Amino acid sequence: MALIESHKPRVAKTESNKAKIAKRVVEVLEFFDEDHPQATVMDIVRRFDRPQSSTSELLSSLVDLGLLHKDPGSRAYSPTPRAAMLGAAIQPRMVRDGVLNGLIDRLSAQTGLGIAVFGMVGLNIQIVHWRAGKKALRTSANNGLAGGRQERLTDSAAGLLMLSTVQQPRRDGLIRRLNAEAPQERKFVFADVAGQVQRCRDEGHINGFAGFGSIADVTAMLLPHMPDGQPLAIGFVYEPSDQIDAAGLQRTLSEAVRRSVEEQSPAASVQPIFESASWQGALEVKHG
């Protein structure tokens, strides 16, 4: 029994190391964006404060798996099409067919503001994707707003929007749990937050505090046709200013989403060539 007991910490440590490796793989893939199409080993080391030797080994492994390409001249890494296509086939059409990326491009070009796509992970809201605006946002985080960052649902207006997708009575239970688990300085009046969440459910959008260690606000709305339990929202993130018209941003956002959905037509009807009469006739002539 003593021998068995002595192995428990080692197993726990191994599992912890596996989790760290998984996290670092995701960090590497999330590093790449419009401003960082390539990365060197030292870029990753500096961004995430990782050891150089293990980072180099990790990047080499991702190259071997076909998820990264290494330029032999610059020795810089970049994601491969395989990395982009992992899991794409089973995503909602707005994600799978690139409509969401096109929507982000349109909103960014139209306003110059930061654009975030939000999702829900347990009791947290997550920045699924971040497109920085022309003006940098001030945050308490070293790397500012970035994809993958999470915050409690009630610490962000977009989190309240996520909560609105949960059916009753589970929704009220989650709000009470979030309040019970919140530190003293972040506790809230249940009725106030429940009311805000209900308005989100009625309207499908929200204007409010962005959270994530920033002083920014967010104007966000739910994206249509998402799978049950996997809501997505898109929103403008900006620091408060007299030049910002939140109601106008909401109209811009709603119109852009509407246009994107309307332009997202299903694939044209086609006749499968292996089932058509002409194809069958050609096969019979060839093999007759």
Protein backbone atom coordinates (compact mmCIF):
# COMPACT_ATOMS: atom_id res chain seq x y z
CA MET A 1 0.00 0.00 0.00
CA ALA A 2 2.84 2.39 0.81
CA LEU A 3 4.29 1.79 -2.66
CA ILE A 4 0.96 2.57 -4.34
CA GLU A 5 0.52 5.72 -2.27
CA SER A 6 3.97 6.96 -3.29
CA HIS A 7 2.98 6.94 -6.97
CA LYS A 8 -0.03 9.28 -6.60
CA PRO A 9 1.85 12.61 -6.70
CA ARG A 10 3.78 11.44 -9.77
CA VAL A 11 0.55 10.64 -11.66
CA ALA A 12 -0.93 14.01 -10.72
CA LYS A 13 2.22 15.75 -11.89
CA THR A 14 2.15 13.89 -15.21
CA GLU A 15 -1.45 14.93 -15.83
CA SER A 16 -0.58 18.51 -14.94
CA ASN A 17 2.28 18.47 -17.44
CA LYS A 18 -0.03 17.16 -20.14
CA ALA A 19 -2.43 20.02 -19.46
CA LYS A 20 0.43 22.52 -19.69
CA ILE A 21 1.52 21.10 -23.04
CA ALA A 22 -2.04 21.34 -24.40
CA LYS A 23 -2.28 24.94 -23.20
CA ARG A 24 1.01 25.85 -24.84
CA VAL A 25 -0.04 24.33 -28.17
CA VAL A 26 -3.18 26.49 -28.15
CA GLU A 27 -1.16 29.56 -27.14
CA VAL A 28 1.16 29.07 -30.10
CA LEU A 29 -1.71 28.75 -32.59
CA GLU A 30 -3.49 31.79 -31.10
CA PHE A 31 -0.35 33.89 -31.41
CA PHE A 32 -0.85 34.18 -35.15
CA ASP A 33 -3.16 36.95 -36.35
CA GLU A 34 -3.32 39.82 -38.81
CA ASP A 35 -0.42 41.55 -37.06
CA HIS A 36 1.61 38.38 -36.52
CA PRO A 37 1.43 36.17 -39.64
CA GLN A 38 4.78 34.60 -38.70
CA ALA A 39 6.68 33.93 -35.48
CA THR A 40 10.18 32.96 -34.44
CA VAL A 41 11.01 30.87 -31.42
CA MET A 42 11.94 34.03 -29.52
CA ASP A 43 8.62 35.71 -30.42
CA ILE A 44 6.80 32.90 -28.63
CA VAL A 45 9.29 32.86 -25.75
CA ARG A 46 8.86 36.59 -25.11
CA ARG A 47 5.07 36.62 -25.49
CA PHE A 48 4.35 33.76 -23.10
CA ASP A 49 7.51 33.80 -20.95
CA ARG A 50 8.40 30.20 -21.86
CA PRO A 51 11.79 28.42 -21.81
CA GLN A 52 13.54 28.65 -25.17
CA SER A 53 14.52 24.99 -25.40
CA SER A 54 11.06 23.57 -24.75
CA THR A 55 9.46 26.19 -27.02
CA SER A 56 11.76 25.24 -29.89
CA GLU A 57 10.92 21.56 -29.33
CA LEU A 58 7.18 22.30 -29.27
CA LEU A 59 7.31 24.28 -32.54
CA SER A 60 9.30 21.50 -34.21
CA SER A 61 6.66 18.98 -33.10
CA LEU A 62 3.89 21.14 -34.59
CA VAL A 63 5.85 21.24 -37.85
CA ASP A 64 6.08 17.43 -37.81
CA LEU A 65 2.29 17.27 -37.29
CA GLY A 66 1.69 19.53 -40.27
CA LEU A 67 0.17 22.32 -38.18
CA LEU A 68 3.04 24.79 -38.66
CA HIS A 69 5.33 25.55 -41.60
CA LYS A 70 8.94 26.57 -41.00
CA ASP A 71 10.51 28.86 -43.55
CA PRO A 72 14.02 27.51 -44.20
CA GLY A 73 15.40 30.98 -44.90
CA SER A 74 13.96 33.13 -42.10
CA ARG A 75 13.43 30.16 -39.74
CA ALA A 76 10.04 31.70 -38.93
CA TYR A 77 6.90 29.63 -38.37
CA SER A 78 3.40 30.11 -39.75
CA PRO A 79 0.17 28.07 -39.52
CA THR A 80 -0.66 25.64 -42.32
CA PRO A 81 -4.06 25.15 -44.00
CA ARG A 82 -4.39 21.98 -41.94
CA ALA A 83 -4.37 24.08 -38.76
CA ALA A 84 -7.14 26.27 -40.17
CA MET A 85 -9.28 23.34 -41.26
CA LEU A 86 -9.18 21.27 -38.08
CA GLY A 87 -12.78 20.85 -36.95
CA ALA A 88 -14.07 23.24 -39.61
CA ALA A 89 -16.33 20.70 -41.33
CA ILE A 90 -18.68 20.38 -38.34
CA GLN A 91 -18.89 24.07 -37.44
CA PRO A 92 -21.97 26.25 -38.09
CA ARG A 93 -21.97 27.47 -41.69
CA MET A 94 -21.21 31.04 -40.62
CA VAL A 95 -17.92 29.77 -39.18
CA ARG A 96 -17.18 26.97 -41.64
CA ASP A 97 -17.73 29.01 -44.80
CA GLY A 98 -15.72 32.04 -43.71
CA VAL A 99 -18.76 34.31 -43.32
CA LEU A 100 -17.77 35.26 -39.78
CA ASN A 101 -14.26 36.28 -40.86
CA GLY A 102 -15.78 38.36 -43.64
CA LEU A 103 -18.09 40.03 -41.13
CA ILE A 104 -15.13 40.88 -38.88
CA ASP A 105 -13.24 42.33 -41.85
CA ARG A 106 -16.24 44.48 -42.81
CA LEU A 107 -16.86 45.85 -39.32
CA SER A 108 -13.16 46.54 -38.76
CA ALA A 109 -12.79 48.42 -42.04
CA GLN A 110 -16.02 50.33 -41.48
CA THR A 111 -15.28 51.59 -37.96
CA GLY A 112 -11.62 51.06 -37.10
CA LEU A 113 -12.72 49.80 -33.68
CA GLY A 114 -11.68 46.62 -31.92
CA ILE A 115 -13.85 43.63 -32.84
CA ALA A 116 -14.33 40.65 -30.51
CA VAL A 117 -16.11 37.35 -30.95
CA PHE A 118 -17.26 35.96 -27.60
CA GLY A 119 -18.13 32.44 -26.51
CA MET A 120 -19.04 30.73 -23.25
CA VAL A 121 -16.87 28.22 -21.38
CA GLY A 122 -18.62 26.94 -18.26
CA LEU A 123 -19.22 29.98 -16.04
CA ASN A 124 -16.77 32.10 -18.03
CA ILE A 125 -16.99 34.29 -21.08
CA GLN A 126 -14.12 33.82 -23.51
CA ILE A 127 -12.72 36.00 -26.27
CA VAL A 128 -12.88 33.49 -29.11
CA HIS A 129 -11.29 35.89 -31.57
CA TRP A 130 -9.85 39.40 -31.26
CA ARG A 131 -9.23 41.93 -34.02
CA ALA A 132 -7.48 45.00 -32.64
CA GLY A 133 -8.70 48.44 -33.66
CA LYS A 134 -6.68 51.41 -34.82
CA LYS A 135 -6.42 52.69 -31.24
CA ALA A 136 -4.85 50.47 -28.58
CA LEU A 137 -7.02 49.74 -25.55
CA ARG A 138 -5.67 50.16 -22.05
CA THR A 139 -5.91 47.01 -19.93
CA SER A 140 -4.31 45.60 -16.81
CA ALA A 141 -3.10 42.54 -18.76
CA ASN A 142 0.43 42.53 -20.18
CA ASN A 143 -0.74 41.53 -23.65
CA GLY A 144 -3.99 43.49 -23.62
CA LEU A 145 -7.11 41.90 -25.03
CA ALA A 146 -6.38 38.67 -26.86
CA GLY A 147 -8.05 35.53 -28.09
CA GLY A 148 -8.46 32.85 -25.43
CA ARG A 149 -8.77 35.20 -22.45
CA GLN A 150 -11.59 34.36 -20.05
CA GLU A 151 -13.56 36.19 -17.38
CA ARG A 152 -16.54 35.35 -15.19
CA LEU A 153 -19.82 35.83 -17.04
CA THR A 154 -21.07 38.53 -14.69
CA ASP A 155 -17.85 40.57 -15.01
CA SER A 156 -18.64 41.57 -18.60
CA ALA A 157 -21.72 42.86 -20.39
CA ALA A 158 -21.05 40.33 -23.15
CA GLY A 159 -21.12 37.67 -20.44
CA LEU A 160 -24.63 38.73 -19.50
CA LEU A 161 -25.52 38.31 -23.18
CA MET A 162 -24.15 34.77 -23.03
CA LEU A 163 -26.19 34.06 -19.90
CA SER A 164 -29.35 35.13 -21.70
CA THR A 165 -29.09 32.07 -23.95
CA VAL A 166 -29.54 29.73 -20.96
CA GLN A 167 -33.09 28.53 -20.32
CA GLN A 168 -34.88 29.03 -17.02
CA PRO A 169 -34.72 27.96 -14.24
CA ARG A 170 -31.08 27.04 -14.84
CA ARG A 171 -30.25 30.64 -15.77
CA ASP A 172 -31.22 32.05 -12.37
CA GLY A 173 -29.32 29.24 -10.69
CA LEU A 174 -26.16 30.16 -12.59
CA ILE A 175 -26.52 33.84 -11.69
CA ARG A 176 -26.92 32.98 -8.00
CA ARG A 177 -23.89 30.69 -8.15
CA LEU A 178 -21.77 33.37 -9.84
CA ASN A 179 -22.76 35.84 -7.11
CA ALA A 180 -22.00 33.37 -4.34
CA GLU A 181 -18.55 32.59 -5.76
CA ALA A 182 -17.63 36.21 -6.57
CA PRO A 183 -15.15 38.09 -4.35
CA GLN A 184 -16.74 40.64 -2.07
CA GLU A 185 -15.92 43.60 -4.32
CA ARG A 186 -17.68 41.97 -7.29
CA LYS A 187 -20.88 40.79 -5.64
CA PHE A 188 -24.09 42.20 -7.12
CA VAL A 189 -27.83 42.49 -6.52
CA PHE A 190 -29.38 39.38 -8.02
CA ALA A 191 -32.56 41.11 -9.21
CA ASP A 192 -30.57 43.76 -11.09
CA VAL A 193 -28.40 41.29 -12.97
CA ALA A 194 -31.31 38.91 -13.64
CA GLY A 195 -33.23 41.85 -15.12
CA GLN A 196 -30.32 42.82 -17.35
CA VAL A 197 -29.99 39.25 -18.58
CA GLN A 198 -33.71 39.06 -19.35
CA ARG A 199 -33.46 42.28 -21.40
CA CYS A 200 -30.59 40.68 -23.31
CA ARG A 201 -32.79 37.69 -24.03
CA ASP A 202 -35.62 39.92 -25.25
CA GLU A 203 -33.42 42.17 -27.41
CA GLY A 204 -30.48 39.93 -28.43
CA HIS A 205 -27.91 42.66 -27.82
CA ILE A 206 -26.27 44.75 -25.08
CA ASN A 207 -24.22 47.90 -24.49
CA GLY A 208 -22.09 47.94 -21.36
CA PHE A 209 -18.76 47.30 -19.68
CA ALA A 210 -16.29 45.19 -21.63
CA GLY A 211 -14.36 43.82 -18.64
CA PHE A 212 -11.12 41.84 -19.13
CA GLY A 213 -9.15 44.34 -17.08
CA SER A 214 -10.01 47.27 -19.33
CA ILE A 215 -11.96 50.51 -18.99
CA ALA A 216 -13.58 49.80 -22.35
CA ASP A 217 -17.24 49.37 -23.23
CA VAL A 218 -18.71 46.80 -25.58
CA THR A 219 -21.63 46.88 -28.00
CA ALA A 220 -22.45 43.27 -28.80
CA MET A 221 -25.15 41.05 -30.24
CA LEU A 222 -25.74 37.32 -30.48
CA LEU A 223 -24.96 35.60 -33.75
CA PRO A 224 -27.84 33.63 -35.25
CA HIS A 225 -28.00 29.90 -35.97
CA MET A 226 -25.46 28.77 -33.40
CA PRO A 227 -25.68 25.26 -31.86
CA ASP A 228 -27.57 24.87 -28.58
CA GLY A 229 -25.27 25.49 -25.63
CA GLN A 230 -22.56 27.03 -27.84
CA PRO A 231 -23.61 30.67 -28.33
CA LEU A 232 -21.40 33.20 -30.05
CA ALA A 233 -21.64 36.98 -29.93
CA ILE A 234 -19.82 39.66 -31.86
CA GLY A 235 -19.18 43.18 -30.69
CA PHE A 236 -17.30 46.44 -30.90
CA VAL A 237 -14.90 47.11 -28.02
CA TYR A 238 -13.93 50.73 -27.41
CA GLU A 239 -12.99 53.17 -24.68
CA PRO A 240 -15.83 55.58 -23.73
CA SER A 241 -15.79 58.81 -25.73
CA ASP A 242 -18.15 61.62 -26.71
CA GLN A 243 -17.45 60.60 -30.30
CA ILE A 244 -18.87 57.11 -29.77
CA ASP A 245 -22.59 56.60 -30.42
CA ALA A 246 -23.43 53.23 -28.89
CA ALA A 247 -26.91 53.18 -30.42
CA GLY A 248 -25.43 53.92 -33.84
CA LEU A 249 -22.88 51.14 -33.39
CA GLN A 250 -25.69 48.77 -32.49
CA ARG A 251 -27.51 49.61 -35.71
CA THR A 252 -24.31 49.17 -37.72
CA LEU A 253 -23.68 45.81 -36.07
CA SER A 254 -27.24 44.55 -36.61
CA GLU A 255 -27.22 45.58 -40.27
CA ALA A 256 -23.85 43.95 -40.93
CA VAL A 257 -24.93 40.68 -39.30
CA ARG A 258 -28.21 40.73 -41.24
CA ARG A 259 -26.42 41.24 -44.53
CA SER A 260 -23.93 38.48 -43.74
CA VAL A 261 -26.71 36.02 -42.98
CA GLU A 262 -28.62 36.95 -46.16
CA GLU A 263 -25.50 36.56 -48.29
CA GLN A 264 -24.82 33.17 -46.75
CA SER A 265 -26.81 31.20 -49.31
CA PRO A 266 -26.71 27.39 -49.27
CA ALA A 267 -24.65 25.54 -51.84
CA ALA A 268 -26.30 25.34 -55.26
CA SER A 269 -28.22 22.19 -56.03
CA VAL A 270 -26.06 19.78 -57.98
CA GLN A 271 -26.54 16.38 -59.54
CA PRO A 272 -24.09 13.84 -58.07
CA ILE A 273 -22.12 12.64 -61.08
CA PHE A 274 -21.96 9.05 -59.91
CA GLU A 275 -25.75 8.88 -59.67
CA SER A 276 -26.68 10.65 -62.92
CA ALA A 277 -28.10 8.65 -65.83
CA SER A 278 -25.50 10.04 -68.25
CA TRP A 279 -22.65 8.94 -65.98
CA GLN A 280 -24.14 5.49 -65.55
CA GLY A 281 -24.54 5.22 -69.33
CA ALA A 282 -20.92 6.23 -69.88
CA LEU A 283 -19.77 3.59 -67.41
CA GLU A 284 -21.84 0.91 -69.17
CA VAL A 285 -20.39 1.84 -72.59
CA LYS A 286 -16.83 1.83 -71.19
CA HIS A 287 -17.15 -1.53 -69.48
CA GLY A 288 -19.66 -3.17 -71.83
